[in-house]
N, C-alpha and C. Protein backbone atom coordinates (compact mmCIF):
# COMPACT_ATOMS: atom_id res chain seq x y z
N MET A 1 -11.31 18.60 -8.09
CA MET A 1 -10.55 17.40 -8.02
C MET A 1 -11.41 16.43 -9.31
N ALA A 2 -10.31 15.95 -10.29
CA ALA A 2 -10.95 14.95 -11.34
C ALA A 2 -11.55 13.75 -10.92
N TYR A 3 -11.00 13.51 -9.76
CA TYR A 3 -11.13 11.91 -8.93
C TYR A 3 -12.75 11.97 -8.98
N PHE A 4 -13.69 12.90 -8.58
CA PHE A 4 -14.72 12.76 -8.36
C PHE A 4 -15.85 12.52 -9.63
N ASN A 5 -14.95 13.00 -10.75
CA ASN A 5 -15.74 12.66 -12.05
C ASN A 5 -15.56 11.23 -12.28
N LYS A 6 -14.96 10.66 -11.76
CA LYS A 6 -14.59 9.11 -12.12
C LYS A 6 -15.25 8.17 -10.99
N ILE A 7 -15.92 8.82 -9.97
CA ILE A 7 -16.73 7.97 -9.01
C ILE A 7 -18.23 7.74 -9.66
N PRO A 8 -18.55 6.28 -9.62
CA PRO A 8 -19.82 6.17 -10.10
C PRO A 8 -21.06 6.71 -9.10
N ASN A 9 -22.32 6.76 -9.65
CA ASN A 9 -23.27 7.46 -8.76
C ASN A 9 -24.08 6.32 -8.13
N ILE A 10 -25.10 6.72 -7.35
CA ILE A 10 -25.76 5.69 -6.47
C ILE A 10 -27.23 6.52 -6.27
N LEU A 11 -28.09 5.64 -6.44
CA LEU A 11 -29.54 6.73 -6.13
C LEU A 11 -29.99 5.93 -4.62
N TYR A 12 -29.91 6.98 -3.86
CA TYR A 12 -30.36 7.05 -2.53
C TYR A 12 -31.62 7.24 -2.06
N LEU A 13 -32.34 6.49 -1.44
CA LEU A 13 -33.78 6.64 -1.21
C LEU A 13 -33.95 7.79 -0.06
N LYS A 14 -34.39 8.79 -0.24
CA LYS A 14 -34.86 9.75 0.63
C LYS A 14 -36.41 9.66 1.26
N TYR A 15 -36.60 9.27 2.40
CA TYR A 15 -37.87 9.08 2.84
C TYR A 15 -38.36 9.75 4.21
N LYS A 16 -39.50 9.87 4.46
CA LYS A 16 -39.96 10.54 5.55
C LYS A 16 -40.44 9.47 6.77
N LYS A 17 -41.38 8.44 6.09
CA LYS A 17 -41.72 7.70 7.21
C LYS A 17 -41.39 6.21 6.95
N ASN A 18 -41.68 5.93 5.61
CA ASN A 18 -41.26 4.72 5.51
C ASN A 18 -40.75 4.68 3.97
N PRO A 19 -40.11 3.47 3.34
CA PRO A 19 -39.70 3.39 2.04
C PRO A 19 -40.39 3.60 0.99
N TYR A 20 -41.78 3.89 1.07
CA TYR A 20 -42.50 4.13 -0.26
C TYR A 20 -43.29 5.58 -0.30
N ASP A 21 -42.75 6.47 0.45
CA ASP A 21 -43.36 7.96 0.46
C ASP A 21 -42.24 8.82 0.19
N GLY A 22 -41.12 8.40 -0.13
CA GLY A 22 -40.02 9.21 -0.55
C GLY A 22 -39.72 9.41 -2.01
N SER A 23 -38.70 9.89 -2.08
CA SER A 23 -37.81 10.30 -3.62
C SER A 23 -36.31 9.78 -3.35
N TYR A 24 -35.75 9.39 -4.86
CA TYR A 24 -34.43 9.23 -4.88
C TYR A 24 -33.83 10.11 -5.13
N LEU A 25 -32.62 10.16 -4.56
CA LEU A 25 -31.27 11.36 -4.69
C LEU A 25 -30.29 10.78 -5.56
N GLU A 26 -30.00 11.27 -6.50
CA GLU A 26 -28.40 10.80 -7.33
C GLU A 26 -27.37 11.31 -6.63
N ILE A 27 -26.82 10.40 -6.06
CA ILE A 27 -25.38 11.17 -5.16
C ILE A 27 -23.97 10.33 -5.71
N LYS A 28 -23.11 10.91 -5.33
CA LYS A 28 -21.77 10.04 -5.46
C LYS A 28 -21.65 9.08 -4.52
N ASN A 29 -21.05 7.84 -5.05
CA ASN A 29 -21.05 6.76 -4.04
C ASN A 29 -19.46 6.89 -3.64
N LEU A 30 -19.39 7.89 -2.37
CA LEU A 30 -18.07 7.98 -1.95
C LEU A 30 -17.48 6.46 -1.31
N PHE A 31 -18.26 5.56 -0.97
CA PHE A 31 -17.83 4.37 -0.58
C PHE A 31 -17.25 3.57 -1.53
N ALA A 32 -17.47 3.94 -2.82
CA ALA A 32 -16.60 2.98 -3.98
C ALA A 32 -14.80 3.22 -3.82
N ARG A 33 -14.40 1.93 -3.74
CA ARG A 33 -12.78 1.77 -3.74
C ARG A 33 -12.39 0.61 -4.08
N ILE A 34 -11.06 0.76 -4.51
CA ILE A 34 -10.57 -0.23 -5.44
C ILE A 34 -9.11 -0.45 -4.85
N LYS A 35 -8.44 -1.53 -4.94
CA LYS A 35 -7.26 -2.07 -4.57
C LYS A 35 -6.32 -2.42 -5.83
N ILE A 36 -5.54 -2.06 -6.17
CA ILE A 36 -4.30 -2.21 -7.23
C ILE A 36 -3.51 -3.01 -6.64
N VAL A 37 -3.60 -4.45 -7.27
CA VAL A 37 -2.59 -5.66 -6.58
C VAL A 37 -1.32 -5.38 -7.21
N ASP A 38 -0.56 -6.20 -6.57
CA ASP A 38 0.76 -6.33 -7.35
C ASP A 38 0.99 -7.03 -8.78
N ASP A 39 -0.04 -8.01 -8.93
CA ASP A 39 0.17 -8.82 -10.11
C ASP A 39 -0.49 -7.98 -11.23
N VAL A 40 -1.22 -7.07 -11.06
CA VAL A 40 -2.02 -6.16 -12.06
C VAL A 40 -0.93 -5.02 -12.37
N LEU A 41 -0.49 -4.49 -11.50
CA LEU A 41 0.58 -3.14 -11.60
C LEU A 41 1.71 -3.47 -10.66
N PRO A 42 2.93 -4.33 -11.02
CA PRO A 42 3.98 -4.57 -10.09
C PRO A 42 4.59 -3.13 -9.47
N SER A 43 4.50 -3.08 -8.32
CA SER A 43 4.98 -1.94 -7.61
C SER A 43 6.46 -1.61 -7.65
N ALA A 44 7.17 -2.45 -7.99
CA ALA A 44 8.53 -2.16 -8.08
C ALA A 44 8.82 -1.28 -9.16
N THR A 45 8.01 -1.31 -10.34
CA THR A 45 8.31 -0.50 -11.80
C THR A 45 7.23 0.79 -11.70
N VAL A 46 6.02 0.25 -11.05
CA VAL A 46 5.12 1.59 -11.28
C VAL A 46 5.15 2.72 -10.35
N PHE A 47 5.50 2.37 -9.11
CA PHE A 47 5.40 3.40 -7.96
C PHE A 47 7.06 3.93 -7.95
N GLU A 48 7.13 5.29 -7.77
CA GLU A 48 8.26 5.88 -7.34
C GLU A 48 8.16 6.56 -5.92
N ASP A 49 9.16 6.51 -5.22
CA ASP A 49 9.35 7.39 -3.79
C ASP A 49 9.14 8.99 -4.25
N TYR A 50 8.84 9.68 -3.52
CA TYR A 50 8.64 11.10 -3.60
C TYR A 50 8.55 11.97 -2.36
N PHE A 51 9.50 12.75 -2.04
CA PHE A 51 9.54 13.67 -0.93
C PHE A 51 8.88 15.06 -1.20
N VAL A 52 7.80 15.10 -0.42
CA VAL A 52 6.89 16.33 -0.44
C VAL A 52 7.64 17.52 -0.03
N LYS A 53 7.96 18.54 -0.90
CA LYS A 53 8.55 19.81 -0.41
C LYS A 53 7.95 20.70 0.08
N ASP A 54 8.15 21.83 1.01
CA ASP A 54 7.63 22.68 1.69
C ASP A 54 6.46 23.33 0.77
N SER A 55 5.34 23.16 0.94
CA SER A 55 4.06 24.29 0.33
C SER A 55 3.81 23.40 -0.90
N GLU A 56 4.14 22.05 -1.48
CA GLU A 56 3.70 21.22 -2.47
C GLU A 56 2.25 20.95 -2.07
N ARG A 57 1.41 20.86 -3.01
CA ARG A 57 0.05 20.13 -3.05
C ARG A 57 0.14 18.89 -4.00
N PRO A 58 -0.93 18.08 -3.87
CA PRO A 58 -1.12 16.99 -4.97
C PRO A 58 -1.17 17.71 -6.31
N ASP A 59 -1.99 18.56 -6.57
CA ASP A 59 -2.08 19.09 -7.88
C ASP A 59 -0.55 19.80 -8.42
N THR A 60 0.00 20.48 -7.73
CA THR A 60 1.25 20.84 -8.05
C THR A 60 2.29 19.70 -8.63
N ILE A 61 2.33 18.63 -7.62
CA ILE A 61 3.14 17.52 -7.88
C ILE A 61 2.51 17.02 -9.12
N ALA A 62 1.38 16.71 -9.51
CA ALA A 62 0.69 16.11 -10.57
C ALA A 62 1.13 16.74 -12.08
N PHE A 63 1.31 18.35 -11.60
CA PHE A 63 1.45 19.00 -12.84
C PHE A 63 3.03 18.85 -13.06
N ASP A 64 3.70 18.81 -12.21
CA ASP A 64 5.22 18.64 -12.31
C ASP A 64 5.57 17.35 -12.91
N LYS A 65 4.80 16.49 -12.52
CA LYS A 65 5.28 15.18 -13.11
C LYS A 65 4.62 14.69 -14.09
N TYR A 66 3.29 15.09 -14.33
CA TYR A 66 2.40 14.56 -15.45
C TYR A 66 1.93 15.77 -16.74
N GLY A 67 2.26 16.77 -16.26
CA GLY A 67 1.66 18.01 -16.85
C GLY A 67 0.20 18.24 -16.69
N ASP A 68 -0.42 17.30 -15.89
CA ASP A 68 -2.01 17.58 -15.65
C ASP A 68 -2.26 17.47 -14.00
N PRO A 69 -2.62 18.84 -13.53
CA PRO A 69 -2.91 19.19 -12.14
C PRO A 69 -3.98 18.24 -12.00
N GLY A 70 -4.91 17.79 -12.86
CA GLY A 70 -6.07 16.92 -12.53
C GLY A 70 -5.83 15.53 -12.20
N LEU A 71 -4.75 15.08 -12.28
CA LEU A 71 -4.34 13.81 -11.81
C LEU A 71 -4.05 13.80 -10.24
N ASP A 72 -4.30 14.86 -9.44
CA ASP A 72 -3.68 14.70 -8.28
C ASP A 72 -4.61 13.84 -7.51
N TRP A 73 -5.73 13.27 -7.84
CA TRP A 73 -6.57 12.21 -7.10
C TRP A 73 -5.83 11.00 -7.21
N THR A 74 -4.49 10.73 -8.13
CA THR A 74 -3.98 9.39 -8.39
C THR A 74 -2.98 9.34 -6.95
N ILE A 75 -2.47 10.54 -6.79
CA ILE A 75 -1.38 10.57 -5.57
C ILE A 75 -2.13 10.51 -4.36
N LEU A 76 -3.32 10.90 -4.30
CA LEU A 76 -4.06 10.68 -2.68
C LEU A 76 -4.46 9.39 -2.62
N LEU A 77 -4.66 8.59 -4.06
CA LEU A 77 -5.35 7.36 -3.81
C LEU A 77 -4.20 6.17 -3.31
N VAL A 78 -3.10 6.50 -4.06
CA VAL A 78 -2.01 5.46 -3.91
C VAL A 78 -1.45 5.69 -2.73
N ASN A 79 -1.53 6.70 -1.82
CA ASN A 79 -1.17 6.95 -0.71
C ASN A 79 -2.13 6.86 0.55
N LYS A 80 -3.32 6.39 0.11
CA LYS A 80 -4.52 6.22 1.10
C LYS A 80 -4.76 7.12 1.84
N ILE A 81 -4.44 8.72 1.15
CA ILE A 81 -5.04 9.89 1.84
C ILE A 81 -6.39 10.04 1.80
N VAL A 82 -7.19 9.76 2.79
CA VAL A 82 -8.76 10.33 2.71
C VAL A 82 -8.81 11.58 3.19
N ASN A 83 -8.08 11.89 4.53
CA ASN A 83 -8.46 13.25 4.74
C ASN A 83 -7.41 14.30 4.50
N TYR A 84 -7.35 15.10 3.50
CA TYR A 84 -6.23 15.84 3.14
C TYR A 84 -5.84 16.92 4.26
N TYR A 85 -6.45 17.43 4.97
CA TYR A 85 -5.88 18.36 5.97
C TYR A 85 -5.19 17.61 7.25
N GLU A 86 -5.44 16.28 7.37
CA GLU A 86 -4.98 15.62 8.45
C GLU A 86 -3.66 14.72 8.04
N ASP A 87 -3.99 14.31 6.61
CA ASP A 87 -2.69 13.47 6.20
C ASP A 87 -1.79 13.95 5.21
N TRP A 88 -1.89 15.16 4.98
CA TRP A 88 -1.00 15.76 3.79
C TRP A 88 0.02 16.71 4.72
N PRO A 89 1.21 16.83 4.45
CA PRO A 89 2.06 17.37 5.42
C PRO A 89 1.74 19.11 5.33
N LYS A 90 1.59 19.75 6.50
CA LYS A 90 1.65 21.15 6.28
C LYS A 90 2.83 21.82 6.06
N ASP A 91 2.55 23.16 5.30
CA ASP A 91 3.59 24.02 5.12
C ASP A 91 4.35 24.40 6.74
N ALA A 92 5.46 25.08 6.53
CA ALA A 92 5.89 25.74 7.83
C ALA A 92 5.19 26.66 8.25
N ALA A 93 4.62 27.64 7.88
CA ALA A 93 3.55 28.40 8.59
C ALA A 93 2.45 27.80 8.95
N SER A 94 1.83 26.91 8.17
CA SER A 94 0.42 25.97 8.80
C SER A 94 0.98 25.38 9.84
N LEU A 95 2.02 24.81 10.05
CA LEU A 95 2.68 23.88 11.05
C LEU A 95 2.80 24.42 12.14
N ASP A 96 3.39 25.84 12.15
CA ASP A 96 3.40 26.60 13.46
C ASP A 96 2.13 27.06 13.97
N GLU A 97 1.34 27.56 13.01
CA GLU A 97 -0.14 27.80 13.52
C GLU A 97 -0.96 26.76 14.15
N TYR A 98 -0.53 25.49 13.70
CA TYR A 98 -1.48 24.19 14.30
C TYR A 98 -0.52 24.04 15.64
N ILE A 99 0.59 24.16 15.88
CA ILE A 99 1.36 23.62 17.30
C ILE A 99 1.13 24.33 18.13
N ASN A 100 1.18 26.10 17.58
CA ASN A 100 1.10 27.03 18.63
C ASN A 100 -0.58 26.99 19.27
N SER A 101 -1.76 26.68 18.27
CA SER A 101 -3.04 26.49 18.76
C SER A 101 -3.53 25.06 19.48
N LYS A 102 -2.54 24.03 19.44
CA LYS A 102 -2.83 22.88 19.99
C LYS A 102 -2.16 22.96 21.42
N TYR A 103 -0.96 23.59 21.55
CA TYR A 103 -0.32 23.45 22.64
C TYR A 103 -0.19 25.07 23.37
N GLN A 104 -0.23 24.76 24.85
CA GLN A 104 -0.10 26.26 25.53
C GLN A 104 1.31 26.64 25.39
N ASN A 105 2.28 25.57 25.64
CA ASN A 105 3.77 25.78 25.60
C ASN A 105 4.37 24.94 24.89
N PRO A 106 4.63 25.14 23.53
CA PRO A 106 4.83 24.25 22.51
C PRO A 106 6.30 23.66 22.79
N ARG A 107 7.32 24.49 23.47
CA ARG A 107 8.44 24.16 23.79
C ARG A 107 8.87 23.27 25.08
N ASP A 108 7.53 22.99 25.66
CA ASP A 108 7.59 22.27 26.93
C ASP A 108 8.21 20.65 25.99
N ALA A 109 8.73 19.88 27.32
CA ALA A 109 8.96 18.46 27.05
C ALA A 109 8.02 17.60 26.75
N GLN A 110 7.57 17.23 25.74
CA GLN A 110 6.80 16.02 25.27
C GLN A 110 7.41 14.52 25.81
N SER A 111 8.62 14.61 25.73
CA SER A 111 9.23 13.34 26.23
C SER A 111 10.57 13.40 26.33
N TYR A 112 11.73 12.77 26.62
CA TYR A 112 13.07 12.55 26.44
C TYR A 112 13.58 11.60 25.86
N ARG A 113 14.66 11.96 25.13
CA ARG A 113 15.39 11.09 24.32
C ARG A 113 16.88 10.74 24.74
N THR A 114 17.38 9.68 24.46
CA THR A 114 18.89 9.51 24.86
C THR A 114 19.87 10.22 24.07
N ILE A 115 20.96 10.39 24.67
CA ILE A 115 22.22 10.78 24.02
C ILE A 115 23.13 9.82 23.85
N LYS A 116 23.70 9.76 22.97
CA LYS A 116 24.59 8.65 22.26
C LYS A 116 25.65 8.67 23.28
N GLN A 117 25.87 7.15 23.86
CA GLN A 117 27.24 6.97 24.53
C GLN A 117 28.14 5.97 24.24
N VAL A 118 29.36 6.32 24.45
CA VAL A 118 30.25 5.51 23.88
C VAL A 118 31.34 4.99 25.02
N TYR A 119 31.62 3.72 25.03
CA TYR A 119 32.39 3.12 25.87
C TYR A 119 33.66 2.19 25.15
N LYS A 120 34.86 2.58 25.73
CA LYS A 120 36.02 1.90 25.02
C LYS A 120 35.68 2.07 23.45
N GLY A 121 35.49 2.80 23.05
CA GLY A 121 35.24 3.18 21.38
C GLY A 121 34.12 2.46 20.77
N LYS A 122 33.17 1.94 21.52
CA LYS A 122 32.02 1.12 21.21
C LYS A 122 30.75 1.92 21.65
N THR A 123 29.98 1.92 20.90
CA THR A 123 28.73 2.72 20.96
C THR A 123 27.80 1.47 21.96
N VAL A 124 27.68 2.32 23.26
CA VAL A 124 26.86 1.35 24.25
C VAL A 124 25.59 1.70 24.46
N LEU A 125 24.99 2.85 23.75
CA LEU A 125 23.74 3.39 24.07
C LEU A 125 23.32 4.30 22.47
N GLU A 126 22.43 3.94 21.96
CA GLU A 126 22.04 4.96 20.66
C GLU A 126 21.57 6.24 21.31
N SER A 127 21.29 7.07 20.36
CA SER A 127 20.78 8.32 20.59
C SER A 127 19.33 8.11 20.16
N GLY A 128 18.40 9.22 20.80
CA GLY A 128 17.13 9.05 20.04
C GLY A 128 16.11 8.14 20.68
N LEU A 129 16.61 7.37 21.57
CA LEU A 129 15.59 6.50 22.29
C LEU A 129 14.67 7.13 23.39
N GLU A 130 13.36 6.80 23.44
CA GLU A 130 12.43 7.76 24.13
C GLU A 130 12.59 7.02 25.81
N VAL A 131 13.24 7.89 26.69
CA VAL A 131 13.02 7.39 28.17
C VAL A 131 12.46 8.30 28.81
N GLY A 132 12.36 8.11 30.18
CA GLY A 132 11.80 9.17 31.27
C GLY A 132 12.51 10.35 31.72
N GLU A 133 11.94 11.13 32.20
CA GLU A 133 12.76 12.11 32.79
C GLU A 133 13.79 11.94 33.44
N SER A 134 13.56 10.86 34.31
CA SER A 134 14.65 10.72 35.35
C SER A 134 16.03 9.90 35.05
N PHE A 135 15.78 9.39 33.63
CA PHE A 135 16.78 8.31 33.19
C PHE A 135 18.33 9.01 33.10
N GLN A 136 19.23 8.09 33.89
CA GLN A 136 20.51 8.21 33.82
C GLN A 136 21.29 6.92 33.32
N PHE A 137 22.15 7.09 32.44
CA PHE A 137 23.03 6.11 31.86
C PHE A 137 24.02 5.45 32.87
N VAL A 138 24.01 4.25 32.92
CA VAL A 138 25.42 3.62 33.79
C VAL A 138 26.23 2.80 32.89
N PHE A 139 27.19 3.43 32.93
CA PHE A 139 28.42 2.60 31.96
C PHE A 139 28.74 1.08 32.38
N PRO A 140 29.15 0.24 31.72
CA PRO A 140 29.54 -1.06 32.39
C PRO A 140 30.39 -1.24 33.52
N ASN A 141 31.10 -0.05 33.68
CA ASN A 141 32.19 -0.25 34.62
C ASN A 141 31.47 0.54 36.12
N GLY A 142 30.27 0.83 35.91
CA GLY A 142 29.40 1.42 37.07
C GLY A 142 29.43 2.84 37.42
N ASP A 143 30.08 3.57 36.53
CA ASP A 143 29.93 5.05 36.29
C ASP A 143 28.48 5.40 35.98
N VAL A 144 28.03 6.55 36.68
CA VAL A 144 26.79 7.09 36.19
C VAL A 144 26.91 8.53 35.64
N VAL A 145 26.02 8.56 34.37
CA VAL A 145 25.99 9.46 33.66
C VAL A 145 25.08 10.44 34.15
N PRO A 146 25.18 11.75 34.29
CA PRO A 146 24.41 12.90 34.72
C PRO A 146 23.14 12.80 33.79
N LYS A 147 22.08 13.11 34.35
CA LYS A 147 20.89 13.31 33.74
C LYS A 147 20.98 14.29 32.60
N SER A 148 21.71 15.42 32.61
CA SER A 148 21.91 16.33 31.76
C SER A 148 22.70 15.75 30.66
N GLU A 149 23.32 14.41 30.69
CA GLU A 149 24.37 13.94 29.81
C GLU A 149 23.66 12.83 29.22
N SER A 150 22.63 12.32 29.76
CA SER A 150 22.09 10.63 29.46
C SER A 150 20.89 11.20 28.56
N ARG A 151 20.04 12.03 28.82
CA ARG A 151 19.05 12.53 28.11
C ARG A 151 18.90 13.88 27.86
N VAL A 152 17.89 14.14 26.74
CA VAL A 152 17.80 15.52 26.24
C VAL A 152 16.10 15.57 25.95
N ALA A 153 15.65 16.87 26.26
CA ALA A 153 14.16 17.11 26.30
C ALA A 153 13.84 16.94 24.93
N TYR A 154 12.76 16.42 24.49
CA TYR A 154 11.97 16.40 23.03
C TYR A 154 10.73 17.11 23.05
N SER A 155 10.56 18.32 22.83
CA SER A 155 9.49 19.10 23.01
C SER A 155 8.42 18.70 22.31
N TYR A 156 7.07 19.30 22.55
CA TYR A 156 5.92 18.97 21.86
C TYR A 156 6.14 19.61 20.32
N TYR A 157 6.89 20.90 20.18
CA TYR A 157 7.15 21.27 18.65
C TYR A 157 7.95 20.19 18.02
N GLU A 158 8.90 19.68 18.28
CA GLU A 158 9.63 18.84 17.66
C GLU A 158 8.81 17.40 17.29
N TYR A 159 8.04 17.23 18.24
CA TYR A 159 7.24 15.81 18.16
C TYR A 159 6.36 15.84 16.95
N GLU A 160 5.56 17.14 16.86
CA GLU A 160 4.73 17.54 15.97
C GLU A 160 5.41 17.46 14.51
N ALA A 161 6.38 18.17 14.48
CA ALA A 161 7.32 18.36 13.35
C ALA A 161 7.59 17.21 12.79
N ALA A 162 8.22 16.03 13.51
CA ALA A 162 8.66 14.98 13.15
C ALA A 162 7.44 14.09 12.52
N ILE A 163 6.09 14.20 12.90
CA ILE A 163 5.07 13.69 12.47
C ILE A 163 4.89 14.17 11.21
N ASN A 164 4.87 15.36 11.27
CA ASN A 164 4.60 16.11 9.88
C ASN A 164 5.67 15.86 8.67
N ASP A 165 7.06 15.56 9.09
CA ASP A 165 7.88 15.41 7.97
C ASP A 165 7.68 14.04 7.78
N SER A 166 7.34 13.07 8.43
CA SER A 166 7.12 11.80 8.25
C SER A 166 5.92 11.26 7.02
N LYS A 167 5.02 12.55 6.87
CA LYS A 167 4.23 12.53 5.92
C LYS A 167 4.49 12.95 4.59
N ARG A 168 6.03 13.51 4.59
CA ARG A 168 6.27 13.84 3.61
C ARG A 168 6.95 12.78 2.37
N GLU A 169 6.97 11.57 2.91
CA GLU A 169 7.59 10.51 2.40
C GLU A 169 6.40 9.73 1.70
N ILE A 170 6.15 9.82 0.30
CA ILE A 170 5.12 9.45 -0.39
C ILE A 170 5.62 8.48 -1.65
N VAL A 171 4.32 8.06 -2.33
CA VAL A 171 4.94 7.45 -3.65
C VAL A 171 4.04 7.87 -4.56
N THR A 172 4.40 7.96 -5.87
CA THR A 172 3.77 8.70 -6.96
C THR A 172 3.83 7.55 -8.17
N ILE A 173 3.00 7.30 -8.86
CA ILE A 173 3.04 6.84 -10.03
C ILE A 173 3.84 7.16 -11.17
N ASN A 174 4.76 6.35 -11.71
CA ASN A 174 5.66 6.24 -12.90
C ASN A 174 4.86 6.94 -14.06
N PRO A 175 5.64 8.11 -14.48
CA PRO A 175 4.69 8.52 -15.74
C PRO A 175 4.32 7.69 -16.95
N ASP A 176 5.21 6.96 -17.00
CA ASP A 176 4.94 5.70 -18.08
C ASP A 176 3.91 4.77 -17.84
N TYR A 177 3.30 4.59 -16.65
CA TYR A 177 2.23 3.75 -16.49
C TYR A 177 1.12 4.31 -15.96
N MET A 178 1.05 5.88 -15.96
CA MET A 178 -0.09 6.51 -15.79
C MET A 178 -1.38 6.35 -16.38
N ASP A 179 -1.30 6.19 -17.78
CA ASP A 179 -2.48 5.81 -18.62
C ASP A 179 -3.08 4.33 -18.14
N GLU A 180 -2.32 3.45 -17.95
CA GLU A 180 -2.74 2.12 -17.74
C GLU A 180 -3.42 2.30 -16.41
N PHE A 181 -3.00 3.05 -15.36
CA PHE A 181 -3.37 2.90 -14.18
C PHE A 181 -4.78 3.48 -14.44
N VAL A 182 -4.90 4.81 -14.92
CA VAL A 182 -6.13 5.29 -15.00
C VAL A 182 -7.44 4.33 -15.70
N GLU A 183 -6.95 3.91 -16.60
CA GLU A 183 -7.73 2.88 -17.20
C GLU A 183 -8.09 1.81 -16.45
N ILE A 184 -7.35 1.19 -15.63
CA ILE A 184 -7.59 0.17 -14.70
C ILE A 184 -8.71 0.67 -13.63
N PHE A 185 -8.38 1.82 -13.06
CA PHE A 185 -9.21 2.46 -11.97
C PHE A 185 -10.57 2.84 -12.68
N GLU A 186 -10.79 3.10 -13.91
CA GLU A 186 -11.99 3.39 -14.55
C GLU A 186 -12.79 2.26 -14.84
N ASN A 187 -12.32 1.12 -15.10
CA ASN A 187 -12.63 -0.11 -15.31
C ASN A 187 -13.40 -0.83 -14.01
N GLU A 188 -12.38 -0.43 -12.95
CA GLU A 188 -12.75 -1.24 -11.53
C GLU A 188 -13.86 -0.19 -10.89
N MET A 189 -14.18 0.74 -11.17
CA MET A 189 -15.15 1.69 -10.79
C MET A 189 -16.54 1.52 -11.28
N LYS A 190 -16.34 0.60 -12.49
CA LYS A 190 -17.69 0.46 -13.08
C LYS A 190 -18.60 -0.42 -12.51
N TYR A 191 -19.96 -0.26 -12.30
CA TYR A 191 -20.76 -1.40 -11.59
C TYR A 191 -20.92 -2.66 -12.56
N SER A 192 -20.91 -3.93 -11.98
CA SER A 192 -21.24 -5.03 -12.46
C SER A 192 -22.75 -5.46 -12.48
N PRO A 193 -23.40 -6.03 -13.35
CA PRO A 193 -24.90 -6.20 -13.29
C PRO A 193 -25.30 -7.01 -11.86
N SER A 194 -26.32 -6.65 -11.30
CA SER A 194 -26.82 -6.94 -10.14
C SER A 194 -28.38 -6.55 -9.89
N THR A 195 -29.00 -6.79 -8.77
CA THR A 195 -30.20 -6.55 -8.53
C THR A 195 -30.15 -4.92 -8.36
N GLU A 196 -29.27 -4.41 -8.10
CA GLU A 196 -29.31 -2.86 -7.89
C GLU A 196 -28.72 -2.06 -8.99
N TYR A 197 -28.23 -2.86 -10.03
CA TYR A 197 -27.72 -2.43 -11.27
C TYR A 197 -28.73 -1.47 -12.41
N ILE A 198 -28.25 -0.25 -12.48
CA ILE A 198 -29.08 0.42 -13.52
C ILE A 198 -27.94 0.44 -14.93
N ASN A 199 -26.94 1.10 -14.67
CA ASN A 199 -25.83 1.26 -15.79
C ASN A 199 -24.61 1.10 -15.07
N GLU A 200 -23.64 1.20 -15.93
CA GLU A 200 -22.15 0.84 -15.33
C GLU A 200 -21.84 1.94 -14.45
N ASN A 201 -22.58 3.17 -14.25
CA ASN A 201 -22.04 4.36 -13.71
C ASN A 201 -23.50 4.47 -12.65
N LEU A 202 -24.16 3.88 -12.52
CA LEU A 202 -25.50 4.29 -11.44
C LEU A 202 -26.20 2.86 -10.91
N LYS A 203 -26.52 2.91 -9.81
CA LYS A 203 -26.86 1.79 -9.24
C LYS A 203 -28.04 2.28 -8.25
N VAL A 204 -29.05 1.69 -7.48
CA VAL A 204 -30.00 2.03 -6.57
C VAL A 204 -29.63 1.37 -5.35
N SER A 205 -29.66 2.17 -4.08
CA SER A 205 -29.30 1.91 -2.94
C SER A 205 -30.90 1.24 -2.52
N ASN A 206 -30.79 0.03 -1.86
CA ASN A 206 -31.93 -0.35 -1.18
C ASN A 206 -32.13 -0.16 0.46
N ASN A 207 -30.99 0.47 1.03
CA ASN A 207 -31.29 1.01 2.11
C ASN A 207 -32.14 2.07 2.45
């Protein structure tokens, strides 16, 4: 991932007993982060909604949108995705494997959801509201709706699938603004002069 080539380095002191008997290791400063604010890149024009299709990855999306799979890091960055395996939507096969490994009986009820109820031509209960197993809807005239017609079981499989689908709604950078975005990112990642400063791409840790 090209992202790591843009992260500055840090000299980290590795020592055995005290800070004076060790040596420095040059490593990537993974704590370096930036915030792209609206007055620098107005989100209304820079960002575009995108729905991740099954089996798509950040690099395949970057190739399709920008012609460069190495820009996959921009997709992860603007969507604040830190853990790819947890935060990126799973494909159908991976989702099945995940659910079956997590639950002994994935089709058991995780919760119950309401069934839409209409009274005198008007909706008096929306569908999809979470309720308990014993829930029974009562119409304004006092008629009690059987449980089987008041709520429906919502399985662990449906629960995990819904979470996974919610991860498909991401944003991407408008291709017209990509060069500007990368330039701003690279400038913000450079170190400023300080007591730890060595050069714009390297500083020393005093910890």
